[in-house]
Amino acid sequence: MSIDSTTAMLAYQTQKKDALVGYLLWWFLGTLGVHRFYCNRVGSGAAMLTITLISIPLCFVLIGYLTLLLVGIWWLVDAFLIAGWVQYHNQYLVGQIEHARGTLPGGRPVGIETQYSSGPPPVQQ
């Protein structure tokens, strides 16, 4: 199935991720791991959420402060990772859309010439 360029652009616009949204989620809800859910890091987002929710009641016995400190460090490290996650997602999305269109990134059609890295196939005589 081949899709036209308007449909491809619409698919990209509806499924792309935005770094600004990722950073806003990181800043306001970061210790709950919401930014990780947004960036399709569901497993680590669930781990971050679970650790935070378990740590809050444990603060009454002072153990929770240590785990909250670890989550805080994790939160700071994520500030440097969000842009790369968003870029990776958007590039992967372009590849999926181009594959569905039957073209390679750059608009070249998928065909036999893509099987050879050194140019077109040899001519049979």
Protein backbone atom coordinates (compact mmCIF):
# COMPACT_ATOMS: atom_id res chain seq x y z
CA MET A 1 0.00 0.00 0.00
CA SER A 2 1.34 3.38 -0.97
CA ILE A 3 0.33 6.61 0.71
CA ASP A 4 0.54 10.10 -0.76
CA SER A 5 2.66 12.92 0.61
CA THR A 6 -0.27 14.72 2.29
CA THR A 7 -1.23 11.61 4.22
CA ALA A 8 2.41 11.00 5.11
CA MET A 9 2.82 14.55 6.45
CA LEU A 10 -0.41 14.25 8.43
CA ALA A 11 0.77 10.94 9.91
CA TYR A 12 4.07 12.54 10.91
CA GLN A 13 2.42 15.60 12.45
CA THR A 14 0.03 13.54 14.55
CA GLN A 15 2.61 11.05 15.84
CA LYS A 16 5.75 13.17 16.30
CA LYS A 17 7.10 14.07 19.73
CA ASP A 18 8.08 17.59 20.79
CA ALA A 19 11.11 18.27 22.95
CA LEU A 20 9.41 21.25 24.61
CA VAL A 21 6.56 19.04 25.81
CA GLY A 22 9.09 16.50 27.05
CA TYR A 23 10.97 19.14 29.02
CA LEU A 24 7.78 20.64 30.47
CA LEU A 25 6.69 17.19 31.64
CA TRP A 26 10.20 16.62 33.01
CA TRP A 27 10.18 19.88 34.96
CA PHE A 28 6.70 19.65 36.46
CA LEU A 29 6.07 15.89 36.76
CA GLY A 30 9.58 14.50 36.31
CA THR A 31 9.96 12.70 39.63
CA LEU A 32 6.84 10.73 38.74
CA GLY A 33 8.42 9.65 35.44
CA VAL A 34 5.72 11.19 33.25
CA HIS A 35 8.30 12.49 30.76
CA ARG A 36 9.55 8.93 30.32
CA PHE A 37 6.05 7.72 29.47
CA TYR A 38 5.80 10.52 26.89
CA CYS A 39 9.12 9.47 25.33
CA ASN A 40 8.01 5.82 25.11
CA ARG A 41 10.22 4.68 27.99
CA VAL A 42 7.33 2.96 29.75
CA GLY A 43 9.30 0.44 31.80
CA SER A 44 11.68 2.95 33.35
CA GLY A 45 8.83 5.45 33.74
CA ALA A 46 6.87 2.89 35.72
CA ALA A 47 9.96 2.15 37.82
CA MET A 48 10.49 5.84 38.54
CA LEU A 49 6.83 6.29 39.47
CA THR A 50 6.87 3.24 41.74
CA ILE A 51 10.07 4.26 43.52
CA THR A 52 8.75 7.77 44.10
CA LEU A 53 5.38 6.59 45.41
CA ILE A 54 7.01 4.07 47.75
CA SER A 55 9.61 6.60 48.92
CA ILE A 56 7.12 9.23 50.08
CA PRO A 57 5.64 7.19 52.95
CA LEU A 58 9.10 5.83 53.79
CA CYS A 59 10.29 9.38 54.50
CA PHE A 60 8.64 8.98 57.92
CA VAL A 61 11.29 6.40 58.79
CA LEU A 62 14.06 8.37 57.00
CA ILE A 63 14.78 5.63 54.43
CA GLY A 64 12.62 7.36 51.84
CA TYR A 65 14.96 10.34 51.64
CA LEU A 66 17.71 8.16 50.21
CA THR A 67 15.49 6.75 47.47
CA LEU A 68 14.10 10.22 46.71
CA LEU A 69 17.68 11.42 46.36
CA LEU A 70 18.33 8.64 43.83
CA VAL A 71 15.19 9.59 41.91
CA GLY A 72 16.35 13.21 41.97
CA ILE A 73 19.69 12.27 40.43
CA TRP A 74 17.86 10.16 37.85
CA TRP A 75 15.63 13.18 37.16
CA LEU A 76 18.67 15.42 36.54
CA VAL A 77 20.29 12.90 34.19
CA ASP A 78 17.08 12.72 32.17
CA ALA A 79 17.43 16.42 31.36
CA PHE A 80 20.33 15.50 29.09
CA LEU A 81 18.55 12.51 27.51
CA ILE A 82 15.14 13.90 26.52
CA ALA A 83 16.28 15.68 23.35
CA GLY A 84 17.92 12.51 22.04
CA TRP A 85 14.87 10.40 22.81
CA VAL A 86 12.61 12.82 20.93
CA GLN A 87 14.99 13.01 17.98
CA TYR A 88 15.27 9.22 17.81
CA HIS A 89 11.49 8.81 17.93
CA ASN A 90 10.93 11.35 15.16
CA GLN A 91 13.62 9.83 12.92
CA TYR A 92 12.18 6.36 13.48
CA LEU A 93 8.74 7.71 12.61
CA VAL A 94 10.03 9.19 9.34
CA GLY A 95 11.55 5.81 8.47
CA GLN A 96 8.26 4.04 9.13
CA ILE A 97 6.32 6.52 7.02
CA GLU A 98 8.81 6.36 4.17
CA HIS A 99 8.67 2.57 4.29
CA ALA A 100 4.86 2.69 4.10
CA ARG A 101 5.12 5.07 1.13
CA GLY A 102 7.46 2.66 -0.64
CA THR A 103 10.36 5.12 -0.72
CA LEU A 104 13.63 5.59 1.07
CA PRO A 105 14.38 8.73 3.07
CA GLY A 106 15.15 11.37 0.48
CA GLY A 107 12.34 10.25 -1.83
CA ARG A 108 14.18 7.51 -3.75
CA PRO A 109 11.87 4.64 -4.69
CA VAL A 110 12.50 1.26 -3.14
CA GLY A 111 13.66 -1.11 -5.85
CA ILE A 112 16.38 -3.47 -6.92
CA GLU A 113 19.03 -0.73 -6.95
CA THR A 114 18.74 -0.47 -3.15
CA GLN A 115 20.11 -4.00 -2.82
CA TYR A 116 23.53 -2.98 -4.13
CA SER A 117 25.73 -0.61 -2.19
CA SER A 118 28.15 0.07 -5.06
CA GLY A 119 25.61 1.33 -7.59
CA PRO A 120 23.05 -0.20 -9.92
CA PRO A 121 23.09 -3.93 -10.69
CA PRO A 122 25.26 -5.17 -13.55
CA VAL A 123 23.65 -5.24 -16.99
CA GLN A 124 23.02 -8.71 -18.45
CA GLN A 125 24.25 -9.17 -22.06
